[in-house]
Amino acid sequence: MGRKRWTPERQRTLKEADWIVGWLRTNGPATTRQLVQAMQTEGLEVRAHVMNKALRRSPFIVHCGHQEVEGSSLSLWDFDRKAGEEE
């Protein structure tokens, strides 16, 4: 018997990654810390593999530098407005 392609866990991961991309489209650019705070406010569990899927693997999200916050260097992410215009 084969593996089910869209298990509830995979559906949840995709839904949460899409939420991150949508949030950055509306609120970006934002640091990783700001994104984590927004997820917690929304009641979403912060899971590293979901963040990786949304931030590093999405063709719509770009890493646009670093920002110093309280002595720490945090990654800054944004929705790639140029990619969105090509649709």
PDB file of N, CA and C in Angstrom:
ATOM      1  N   MET A   1       0.838  -1.175   0.000  1.00  0.00           N
ATOM      2  CA  MET A   1       0.000   0.000   0.000  1.00  0.00           C
ATOM      3  C   MET A   1       0.888   1.245   0.000  1.00  0.00           C
ATOM      4  N   GLY A   2       0.571   2.226  -0.833  1.00  0.00           N
ATOM      5  CA  GLY A   2       1.387   3.424  -0.966  1.00  0.00           C
ATOM      6  C   GLY A   2       1.140   4.450   0.116  1.00  0.00           C
ATOM      7  N   ARG A   3       2.042   5.375   0.192  1.00  0.00           N
ATOM      8  CA  ARG A   3       1.955   6.463   1.167  1.00  0.00           C
ATOM      9  C   ARG A   3       0.907   7.475   0.706  1.00  0.00           C
ATOM     10  N   LYS A   4       0.090   7.927   1.652  1.00  0.00           N
ATOM     11  CA  LYS A   4      -0.890   8.953   1.318  1.00  0.00           C
ATOM     12  C   LYS A   4      -0.159  10.261   1.047  1.00  0.00           C
ATOM     13  N   ARG A   5      -0.447  10.871  -0.077  1.00  0.00           N
ATOM     14  CA  ARG A   5       0.261  12.081  -0.483  1.00  0.00           C
ATOM     15  C   ARG A   5      -0.059  13.271   0.412  1.00  0.00           C
ATOM     16  N   TRP A   6      -1.305  13.507   0.704  1.00  0.00           N
ATOM     17  CA  TRP A   6      -1.692  14.693   1.477  1.00  0.00           C
ATOM     18  C   TRP A   6      -2.231  14.301   2.842  1.00  0.00           C
ATOM     19  N   THR A   7      -1.333  13.907   3.707  1.00  0.00           N
ATOM     20  CA  THR A   7      -1.719  13.561   5.065  1.00  0.00           C
ATOM     21  C   THR A   7      -2.147  14.841   5.787  1.00  0.00           C
ATOM     22  N   PRO A   8      -2.893  14.721   6.871  1.00  0.00           N
ATOM     23  CA  PRO A   8      -3.273  15.920   7.626  1.00  0.00           C
ATOM     24  C   PRO A   8      -2.071  16.761   8.068  1.00  0.00           C
ATOM     25  N   GLU A   9      -0.972  16.110   8.405  1.00  0.00           N
ATOM     26  CA  GLU A   9       0.238  16.838   8.825  1.00  0.00           C
ATOM     27  C   GLU A   9       0.815  17.654   7.667  1.00  0.00           C
ATOM     28  N   ARG A  10       0.855  17.075   6.481  1.00  0.00           N
ATOM     29  CA  ARG A  10       1.370  17.800   5.315  1.00  0.00           C
ATOM     30  C   ARG A  10       0.450  18.952   4.941  1.00  0.00           C
ATOM     31  N   GLN A  11      -0.847  18.740   5.069  1.00  0.00           N
ATOM     32  CA  GLN A  11      -1.809  19.812   4.795  1.00  0.00           C
ATOM     33  C   GLN A  11      -1.619  20.963   5.779  1.00  0.00           C
ATOM     34  N   ARG A  12      -1.407  20.629   7.046  1.00  0.00           N
ATOM     35  CA  ARG A  12      -1.182  21.643   8.074  1.00  0.00           C
ATOM     36  C   ARG A  12       0.093  22.432   7.794  1.00  0.00           C
ATOM     37  N   THR A  13       1.157  21.730   7.430  1.00  0.00           N
ATOM     38  CA  THR A  13       2.428  22.379   7.125  1.00  0.00           C
ATOM     39  C   THR A  13       2.269  23.354   5.962  1.00  0.00           C
ATOM     40  N   LEU A  14       1.607  22.920   4.901  1.00  0.00           N
ATOM     41  CA  LEU A  14       1.400  23.777   3.738  1.00  0.00           C
ATOM     42  C   LEU A  14       0.546  24.994   4.095  1.00  0.00           C
ATOM     43  N   LYS A  15      -0.490  24.789   4.878  1.00  0.00           N
ATOM     44  CA  LYS A  15      -1.364  25.886   5.286  1.00  0.00           C
ATOM     45  C   LYS A  15      -0.587  26.923   6.111  1.00  0.00           C
ATOM     46  N   GLU A  16       0.241  26.458   7.037  1.00  0.00           N
ATOM     47  CA  GLU A  16       1.026  27.370   7.873  1.00  0.00           C
ATOM     48  C   GLU A  16       2.097  28.097   7.055  1.00  0.00           C
ATOM     49  N   ALA A  17       2.744  27.406   6.125  1.00  0.00           N
ATOM     50  CA  ALA A  17       3.744  28.048   5.268  1.00  0.00           C
ATOM     51  C   ALA A  17       3.079  29.110   4.391  1.00  0.00           C
ATOM     52  N   ASP A  18       1.891  28.815   3.874  1.00  0.00           N
ATOM     53  CA  ASP A  18       1.156  29.800   3.088  1.00  0.00           C
ATOM     54  C   ASP A  18       0.774  31.007   3.935  1.00  0.00           C
ATOM     55  N   TRP A  19       0.437  30.780   5.200  1.00  0.00           N
ATOM     56  CA  TRP A  19       0.098  31.885   6.096  1.00  0.00           C
ATOM     57  C   TRP A  19       1.301  32.809   6.270  1.00  0.00           C
ATOM     58  N   ILE A  20       2.490  32.223   6.440  1.00  0.00           N
ATOM     59  CA  ILE A  20       3.712  33.011   6.605  1.00  0.00           C
ATOM     60  C   ILE A  20       3.963  33.871   5.367  1.00  0.00           C
ATOM     61  N   VAL A  21       3.844  33.278   4.192  1.00  0.00           N
ATOM     62  CA  VAL A  21       4.059  34.017   2.942  1.00  0.00           C
ATOM     63  C   VAL A  21       3.042  35.157   2.831  1.00  0.00           C
ATOM     64  N   GLY A  22       1.791  34.878   3.137  1.00  0.00           N
ATOM     65  CA  GLY A  22       0.755  35.912   3.081  1.00  0.00           C
ATOM     66  C   GLY A  22       0.986  37.030   4.083  1.00  0.00           C
ATOM     67  N   TRP A  23       1.428  36.654   5.280  1.00  0.00           N
ATOM     68  CA  TRP A  23       1.702  37.661   6.308  1.00  0.00           C
ATOM     69  C   TRP A  23       2.829  38.581   5.864  1.00  0.00           C
ATOM     70  N   LEU A  24       3.888  38.008   5.291  1.00  0.00           N
ATOM     71  CA  LEU A  24       5.003  38.832   4.821  1.00  0.00           C
ATOM     72  C   LEU A  24       4.580  39.711   3.647  1.00  0.00           C
ATOM     73  N   ARG A  25       3.677  39.228   2.829  1.00  0.00           N
ATOM     74  CA  ARG A  25       3.195  40.030   1.701  1.00  0.00           C
ATOM     75  C   ARG A  25       2.502  41.291   2.212  1.00  0.00           C
ATOM     76  N   THR A  26       1.774  41.154   3.300  1.00  0.00           N
ATOM     77  CA  THR A  26       1.040  42.276   3.873  1.00  0.00           C
ATOM     78  C   THR A  26       1.896  43.123   4.811  1.00  0.00           C
ATOM     79  N   ASN A  27       2.740  42.488   5.613  1.00  0.00           N
ATOM     80  CA  ASN A  27       3.439  43.172   6.700  1.00  0.00           C
ATOM     81  C   ASN A  27       4.943  43.306   6.521  1.00  0.00           C
ATOM     82  N   GLY A  28       5.503  42.726   5.469  1.00  0.00           N
ATOM     83  CA  GLY A  28       6.949  42.708   5.321  1.00  0.00           C
ATOM     84  C   GLY A  28       7.518  44.047   4.928  1.00  0.00           C
ATOM     85  N   PRO A  29       8.803  44.241   5.034  1.00  0.00           N
ATOM     86  CA  PRO A  29       9.787  43.288   5.522  1.00  0.00           C
ATOM     87  C   PRO A  29       9.704  43.141   7.039  1.00  0.00           C
ATOM     88  N   ALA A  30      10.130  41.980   7.507  1.00  0.00           N
ATOM     89  CA  ALA A  30      10.069  41.684   8.936  1.00  0.00           C
ATOM     90  C   ALA A  30      11.219  40.769   9.319  1.00  0.00           C
ATOM     91  N   THR A  31      11.613  40.874  10.575  1.00  0.00           N
ATOM     92  CA  THR A  31      12.658  39.998  11.092  1.00  0.00           C
ATOM     93  C   THR A  31      12.040  38.641  11.437  1.00  0.00           C
ATOM     94  N   THR A  32      12.904  37.676  11.625  1.00  0.00           N
ATOM     95  CA  THR A  32      12.451  36.356  12.047  1.00  0.00           C
ATOM     96  C   THR A  32      11.703  36.459  13.367  1.00  0.00           C
ATOM     97  N   ARG A  33      12.197  37.268  14.284  1.00  0.00           N
ATOM     98  CA  ARG A  33      11.556  37.434  15.592  1.00  0.00           C
ATOM     99  C   ARG A  33      10.142  38.012  15.446  1.00  0.00           C
ATOM    100  N   GLN A  34       9.966  39.003  14.569  1.00  0.00           N
ATOM    101  CA  GLN A  34       8.636  39.583  14.342  1.00  0.00           C
ATOM    102  C   GLN A  34       7.683  38.544  13.758  1.00  0.00           C
ATOM    103  N   LEU A  35       8.204  37.729  12.885  1.00  0.00           N
ATOM    104  CA  LEU A  35       7.388  36.675  12.287  1.00  0.00           C
ATOM    105  C   LEU A  35       6.952  35.653  13.331  1.00  0.00           C
ATOM    106  N   VAL A  36       7.861  35.261  14.212  1.00  0.00           N
ATOM    107  CA  VAL A  36       7.532  34.321  15.285  1.00  0.00           C
ATOM    108  C   VAL A  36       6.463  34.922  16.197  1.00  0.00           C
ATOM    109  N   GLN A  37       6.591  36.199  16.536  1.00  0.00           N
ATOM    110  CA  GLN A  37       5.599  36.857  17.377  1.00  0.00           C
ATOM    111  C   GLN A  37       4.233  36.885  16.700  1.00  0.00           C
ATOM    112  N   ALA A  38       4.200  37.148  15.401  1.00  0.00           N
ATOM    113  CA  ALA A  38       2.931  37.168  14.665  1.00  0.00           C
ATOM    114  C   ALA A  38       2.290  35.786  14.652  1.00  0.00           C
ATOM    115  N   MET A  39       3.108  34.748  14.490  1.00  0.00           N
ATOM    116  CA  MET A  39       2.579  33.381  14.492  1.00  0.00           C
ATOM    117  C   MET A  39       1.994  33.041  15.861  1.00  0.00           C
ATOM    118  N   GLN A  40       2.687  33.417  16.917  1.00  0.00           N
ATOM    119  CA  GLN A  40       2.196  33.137  18.266  1.00  0.00           C
ATOM    120  C   GLN A  40       0.904  33.906  18.536  1.00  0.00           C
ATOM    121  N   THR A  41       0.811  35.144  18.088  1.00  0.00           N
ATOM    122  CA  THR A  41      -0.407  35.939  18.242  1.00  0.00           C
ATOM    123  C   THR A  41      -1.574  35.279  17.512  1.00  0.00           C
ATOM    124  N   GLU A  42      -1.291  34.695  16.360  1.00  0.00           N
ATOM    125  CA  GLU A  42      -2.317  34.028  15.555  1.00  0.00           C
ATOM    126  C   GLU A  42      -2.676  32.647  16.111  1.00  0.00           C
ATOM    127  N   GLY A  43      -1.887  32.179  17.064  1.00  0.00           N
ATOM    128  CA  GLY A  43      -2.155  30.873  17.661  1.00  0.00           C
ATOM    129  C   GLY A  43      -1.540  29.716  16.894  1.00  0.00           C
ATOM    130  N   LEU A  44      -0.568  30.023  16.036  1.00  0.00           N
ATOM    131  CA  LEU A  44       0.120  28.981  15.263  1.00  0.00           C
ATOM    132  C   LEU A  44       1.345  28.504  16.029  1.00  0.00           C
ATOM    133  N   GLU A  45       1.583  27.216  15.964  1.00  0.00           N
ATOM    134  CA  GLU A  45       2.780  26.655  16.574  1.00  0.00           C
ATOM    135  C   GLU A  45       3.981  27.006  15.699  1.00  0.00           C
ATOM    136  N   VAL A  46       5.047  27.476  16.310  1.00  0.00           N
ATOM    137  CA  VAL A  46       6.259  27.815  15.571  1.00  0.00           C
ATOM    138  C   VAL A  46       7.072  26.538  15.405  1.00  0.00           C
ATOM    139  N   ARG A  47       7.176  26.094  14.157  1.00  0.00           N
ATOM    140  CA  ARG A  47       7.908  24.866  13.853  1.00  0.00           C
ATOM    141  C   ARG A  47       8.983  25.186  12.821  1.00  0.00           C
ATOM    142  N   ALA A  48      10.205  24.749  13.107  1.00  0.00           N
ATOM    143  CA  ALA A  48      11.355  25.110  12.272  1.00  0.00           C
ATOM    144  C   ALA A  48      11.184  24.675  10.820  1.00  0.00           C
ATOM    145  N   HIS A  49      10.666  23.478  10.581  1.00  0.00           N
ATOM    146  CA  HIS A  49      10.564  23.015   9.193  1.00  0.00           C
ATOM    147  C   HIS A  49       9.512  23.802   8.413  1.00  0.00           C
ATOM    148  N   VAL A  50       8.508  24.336   9.094  1.00  0.00           N
ATOM    149  CA  VAL A  50       7.508  25.173   8.423  1.00  0.00           C
ATOM    150  C   VAL A  50       8.131  26.518   8.065  1.00  0.00           C
ATOM    151  N   MET A  51       8.894  27.084   9.003  1.00  0.00           N
ATOM    152  CA  MET A  51       9.578  28.352   8.732  1.00  0.00           C
ATOM    153  C   MET A  51      10.552  28.187   7.562  1.00  0.00           C
ATOM    154  N   ASN A  52      11.279  27.076   7.540  1.00  0.00           N
ATOM    155  CA  ASN A  52      12.216  26.806   6.453  1.00  0.00           C
ATOM    156  C   ASN A  52      11.482  26.715   5.121  1.00  0.00           C
ATOM    157  N   LYS A  53      10.363  26.012   5.109  1.00  0.00           N
ATOM    158  CA  LYS A  53       9.590  25.854   3.880  1.00  0.00           C
ATOM    159  C   LYS A  53       9.119  27.212   3.364  1.00  0.00           C
ATOM    160  N   ALA A  54       8.640  28.054   4.265  1.00  0.00           N
ATOM    161  CA  ALA A  54       8.114  29.355   3.861  1.00  0.00           C
ATOM    162  C   ALA A  54       9.217  30.343   3.489  1.00  0.00           C
ATOM    163  N   LEU A  55      10.276  30.404   4.286  1.00  0.00           N
ATOM    164  CA  LEU A  55      11.280  31.444   4.099  1.00  0.00           C
ATOM    165  C   LEU A  55      12.377  31.080   3.106  1.00  0.00           C
ATOM    166  N   ARG A  56      12.798  29.867   3.101  1.00  0.00           N
ATOM    167  CA  ARG A  56      13.931  29.488   2.239  1.00  0.00           C
ATOM    168  C   ARG A  56      13.516  28.811   0.938  1.00  0.00           C
ATOM    169  N   ARG A  57      12.390  28.126   0.960  1.00  0.00           N
ATOM    170  CA  ARG A  57      12.011  27.359  -0.222  1.00  0.00           C
ATOM    171  C   ARG A  57      10.937  28.026  -1.070  1.00  0.00           C
ATOM    172  N   SER A  58      10.269  29.039  -0.528  1.00  0.00           N
ATOM    173  CA  SER A  58       9.238  29.725  -1.301  1.00  0.00           C
ATOM    174  C   SER A  58       9.873  30.623  -2.358  1.00  0.00           C
ATOM    175  N   PRO A  59       9.386  30.580  -3.587  1.00  0.00           N
ATOM    176  CA  PRO A  59       9.932  31.463  -4.617  1.00  0.00           C
ATOM    177  C   PRO A  59       9.492  32.921  -4.433  1.00  0.00           C
ATOM    178  N   PHE A  60       8.573  33.166  -3.512  1.00  0.00           N
ATOM    179  CA  PHE A  60       8.032  34.505  -3.316  1.00  0.00           C
ATOM    180  C   PHE A  60       8.682  35.268  -2.164  1.00  0.00           C
ATOM    181  N   ILE A  61       9.509  34.616  -1.377  1.00  0.00           N
ATOM    182  CA  ILE A  61      10.135  35.239  -0.222  1.00  0.00           C
ATOM    183  C   ILE A  61      11.624  35.431  -0.481  1.00  0.00           C
ATOM    184  N   VAL A  62      12.121  36.609  -0.130  1.00  0.00           N
ATOM    185  CA  VAL A  62      13.545  36.900  -0.312  1.00  0.00           C
ATOM    186  C   VAL A  62      14.163  37.309   1.020  1.00  0.00           C
ATOM    187  N   HIS A  63      15.402  36.916   1.196  1.00  0.00           N
ATOM    188  CA  HIS A  63      16.191  37.348   2.355  1.00  0.00           C
ATOM    189  C   HIS A  63      16.788  38.682   1.954  1.00  0.00           C
ATOM    190  N   CYS A  64      16.440  39.727   2.689  1.00  0.00           N
ATOM    191  CA  CYS A  64      16.875  41.066   2.270  1.00  0.00           C
ATOM    192  C   CYS A  64      17.841  41.706   3.257  1.00  0.00           C
ATOM    193  N   GLY A  65      18.565  40.889   3.997  1.00  0.00           N
ATOM    194  CA  GLY A  65      19.599  41.424   4.861  1.00  0.00           C
ATOM    195  C   GLY A  65      19.430  41.021   6.315  1.00  0.00           C
ATOM    196  N   HIS A  66      20.101  41.790   7.160  1.00  0.00           N
ATOM    197  CA  HIS A  66      20.065  41.560   8.599  1.00  0.00           C
ATOM    198  C   HIS A  66      19.744  42.867   9.302  1.00  0.00           C
ATOM    199  N   GLN A  67      19.167  42.753  10.482  1.00  0.00           N
ATOM    200  CA  GLN A  67      18.844  43.918  11.297  1.00  0.00           C
ATOM    201  C   GLN A  67      19.325  43.655  12.712  1.00  0.00           C
ATOM    202  N   GLU A  68      20.002  44.641  13.293  1.00  0.00           N
ATOM    203  CA  GLU A  68      20.472  44.527  14.676  1.00  0.00           C
ATOM    204  C   GLU A  68      19.320  44.827  15.625  1.00  0.00           C
ATOM    205  N   VAL A  69      18.990  43.877  16.493  1.00  0.00           N
ATOM    206  CA  VAL A  69      17.931  44.053  17.489  1.00  0.00           C
ATOM    207  C   VAL A  69      18.475  43.564  18.821  1.00  0.00           C
ATOM    208  N   GLU A  70      18.559  44.466  19.781  1.00  0.00           N
ATOM    209  CA  GLU A  70      19.025  44.139  21.120  1.00  0.00           C
ATOM    210  C   GLU A  70      20.364  43.393  21.099  1.00  0.00           C
ATOM    211  N   GLY A  71      21.268  43.827  20.251  1.00  0.00           N
ATOM    212  CA  GLY A  71      22.587  43.237  20.178  1.00  0.00           C
ATOM    213  C   GLY A  71      22.679  41.953  19.372  1.00  0.00           C
ATOM    214  N   SER A  72      21.573  41.521  18.797  1.00  0.00           N
ATOM    215  CA  SER A  72      21.571  40.308  17.976  1.00  0.00           C
ATOM    216  C   SER A  72      21.293  40.664  16.523  1.00  0.00           C
ATOM    217  N   SER A  73      21.927  39.938  15.627  1.00  0.00           N
ATOM    218  CA  SER A  73      21.692  40.127  14.204  1.00  0.00           C
ATOM    219  C   SER A  73      20.584  39.166  13.770  1.00  0.00           C
ATOM    220  N   LEU A  74      19.455  39.727  13.345  1.00  0.00           N
ATOM    221  CA  LEU A  74      18.315  38.914  12.921  1.00  0.00           C
ATOM    222  C   LEU A  74      18.120  39.017  11.418  1.00  0.00           C
ATOM    223  N   SER A  75      17.745  37.907  10.801  1.00  0.00           N
ATOM    224  CA  SER A  75      17.471  37.910   9.365  1.00  0.00           C
ATOM    225  C   SER A  75      16.237  38.737   9.072  1.00  0.00           C
ATOM    226  N   LEU A  76      16.270  39.426   7.947  1.00  0.00           N
ATOM    227  CA  LEU A  76      15.161  40.250   7.495  1.00  0.00           C
ATOM    228  C   LEU A  76      14.591  39.631   6.223  1.00  0.00           C
ATOM    229  N   TRP A  77      13.281  39.401   6.207  1.00  0.00           N
ATOM    230  CA  TRP A  77      12.606  38.711   5.110  1.00  0.00           C
ATOM    231  C   TRP A  77      11.531  39.600   4.523  1.00  0.00           C
ATOM    232  N   ASP A  78      11.251  39.425   3.227  1.00  0.00           N
ATOM    233  CA  ASP A  78      10.182  40.184   2.595  1.00  0.00           C
ATOM    234  C   ASP A  78       9.590  39.377   1.434  1.00  0.00           C
ATOM    235  N   PHE A  79       8.395  39.770   1.069  1.00  0.00           N
ATOM    236  CA  PHE A  79       7.738  39.200  -0.102  1.00  0.00           C
ATOM    237  C   PHE A  79       8.404  39.820  -1.321  1.00  0.00           C
ATOM    238  N   ASP A  80       8.761  39.010  -2.295  1.00  0.00           N
ATOM    239  CA  ASP A  80       9.421  39.486  -3.500  1.00  0.00           C
ATOM    240  C   ASP A  80       8.377  40.116  -4.419  1.00  0.00           C
ATOM    241  N   ARG A  81       8.260  41.420  -4.334  1.00  0.00           N
ATOM    242  CA  ARG A  81       7.218  42.144  -5.094  1.00  0.00           C
ATOM    243  C   ARG A  81       7.431  41.991  -6.606  1.00  0.00           C
ATOM    244  N   LYS A  82       8.664  41.832  -7.042  1.00  0.00           N
ATOM    245  CA  LYS A  82       8.923  41.654  -8.475  1.00  0.00           C
ATOM    246  C   LYS A  82       8.362  40.327  -8.971  1.00  0.00           C
ATOM    247  N   ALA A  83       8.521  39.278  -8.180  1.00  0.00           N
ATOM    248  CA  ALA A  83       7.979  37.963  -8.560  1.00  0.00           C
ATOM    249  C   ALA A  83       6.460  38.009  -8.588  1.00  0.00           C
ATOM    250  N   GLY A  84       5.850  38.754  -7.660  1.00  0.00           N
ATOM    251  CA  GLY A  84       4.404  38.863  -7.601  1.00  0.00           C
ATOM    252  C   GLY A  84       3.827  39.612  -8.785  1.00  0.00           C
ATOM    253  N   GLU A  85       4.594  40.553  -9.381  1.00  0.00           N
ATOM    254  CA  GLU A  85       4.129  41.340 -10.520  1.00  0.00           C
ATOM    255  C   GLU A  85       4.098  40.518 -11.799  1.00  0.00           C
ATOM    256  N   GLU A  86       4.894  39.458 -11.868  1.00  0.00           N
ATOM    257  CA  GLU A  86       4.980  38.645 -13.086  1.00  0.00           C
ATOM    258  C   GLU A  86       3.792  37.736 -13.275  1.00  0.00           C
ATOM    259  N   GLU A  87       2.978  37.566 -12.232  1.00  0.00           N
ATOM    260  CA  GLU A  87       1.858  36.632 -12.308  1.00  0.00           C
ATOM    261  C   GLU A  87       0.810  37.110 -13.268  1.00  0.00           C
TER     262      GLU A  87
END
